[in-house]
Amino acid sequence: MTPALLAIACLTAITLGYSGLCAASPFGTCRKCRGFGFALTTDRKGRLKRGKHCRRCDGHGKRIRFGRWLYNRAARTYRAGTR
């Protein structure tokens, strides 16, 4: 196989894998709070305690994946255009 065909095959496999991941699990853990839903802070003695709730995920600890967001946007536009 030529290097170009190999690169296309790899990109196709990555794309299909990511789309399968977005279909099977549309929500991933929040990168800001690492899925806790709140920030971890330390008190004056250095012990961990619960901080403010995460504004990015609204305290849920989950966020919608970018691929799923694109799919939802495309489906919404398609539905609105075929009414």
Protein backbone atom coordinates (compact mmCIF):
# COMPACT_ATOMS: atom_id res chain seq x y z
CA MET A 1 0.00 0.00 0.00
CA THR A 2 1.13 3.51 -0.69
CA PRO A 3 1.63 5.93 2.20
CA ALA A 4 -1.32 8.06 1.04
CA LEU A 5 -3.72 5.12 1.14
CA LEU A 6 -2.38 4.10 4.53
CA ALA A 7 -2.95 7.61 5.88
CA ILE A 8 -6.49 7.68 4.51
CA ALA A 9 -7.21 4.27 6.04
CA CYS A 10 -5.89 5.43 9.44
CA LEU A 11 -7.94 8.63 9.35
CA THR A 12 -11.05 6.68 8.36
CA ALA A 13 -10.53 4.24 11.24
CA ILE A 14 -10.05 7.09 13.72
CA THR A 15 -13.14 8.91 12.45
CA LEU A 16 -15.32 5.81 12.59
CA GLY A 17 -14.02 5.00 16.07
CA TYR A 18 -14.77 8.48 17.37
CA SER A 19 -18.23 8.53 15.82
CA GLY A 20 -18.92 5.15 17.43
CA LEU A 21 -17.77 6.52 20.77
CA CYS A 22 -20.03 9.55 20.40
CA ALA A 23 -22.98 7.31 19.54
CA ALA A 24 -22.37 4.88 22.41
CA SER A 25 -21.40 7.43 25.05
CA PRO A 26 -22.43 10.98 24.09
CA PHE A 27 -21.25 12.48 27.38
CA GLY A 28 -17.67 12.56 28.64
CA THR A 29 -16.21 13.72 31.92
CA CYS A 30 -15.76 17.44 32.39
CA ARG A 31 -12.15 18.47 31.85
CA LYS A 32 -12.28 21.33 34.31
CA CYS A 33 -13.52 19.45 37.38
CA ARG A 34 -12.42 15.98 36.21
CA GLY A 35 -15.94 14.61 36.65
CA PHE A 36 -16.41 15.59 40.30
CA GLY A 37 -18.81 18.46 39.60
CA PHE A 38 -16.89 20.76 41.89
CA ALA A 39 -13.38 22.06 42.35
CA LEU A 40 -11.14 20.53 45.00
CA THR A 41 -9.52 23.03 47.33
CA THR A 42 -7.43 22.66 50.44
CA ASP A 43 -8.08 24.07 53.87
CA ARG A 44 -5.44 25.77 55.98
CA LYS A 45 -4.10 22.44 57.21
CA GLY A 46 -3.66 21.12 53.66
CA ARG A 47 -6.59 18.70 53.70
CA LEU A 48 -8.79 18.42 50.62
CA LYS A 49 -12.27 19.84 50.80
CA ARG A 50 -15.09 20.51 48.41
CA GLY A 51 -14.88 23.83 46.59
CA LYS A 52 -17.28 25.72 44.36
CA HIS A 53 -19.44 23.83 41.94
CA CYS A 54 -18.17 23.71 38.36
CA ARG A 55 -19.60 26.35 36.03
CA ARG A 56 -18.62 24.52 32.85
CA CYS A 57 -20.68 21.39 33.54
CA ASP A 58 -23.09 23.05 36.01
CA GLY A 59 -22.05 20.65 38.75
CA HIS A 60 -23.00 17.48 36.85
CA GLY A 61 -19.44 16.32 36.08
CA LYS A 62 -20.36 15.47 32.49
CA ARG A 63 -20.10 17.40 29.23
CA ILE A 64 -21.35 16.65 25.74
CA ARG A 65 -18.67 15.43 23.36
CA PHE A 66 -17.81 17.67 20.39
CA GLY A 67 -18.78 15.03 17.81
CA ARG A 68 -22.16 14.53 19.45
CA TRP A 69 -22.65 18.30 19.60
CA LEU A 70 -22.00 18.51 15.84
CA TYR A 71 -24.42 15.65 15.18
CA ASN A 72 -27.14 17.27 17.32
CA ARG A 73 -26.65 20.60 15.53
CA ALA A 74 -26.85 18.97 12.08
CA ALA A 75 -29.95 16.94 13.03
CA ARG A 76 -31.66 20.04 14.43
CA THR A 77 -30.91 22.00 11.25
CA TYR A 78 -32.17 19.14 9.08
CA ARG A 79 -35.40 18.83 11.07
CA ALA A 80 -36.00 22.57 10.92
CA GLY A 81 -35.41 22.59 7.15
CA THR A 82 -37.81 19.75 6.37
CA ARG A 83 -40.83 21.07 8.26
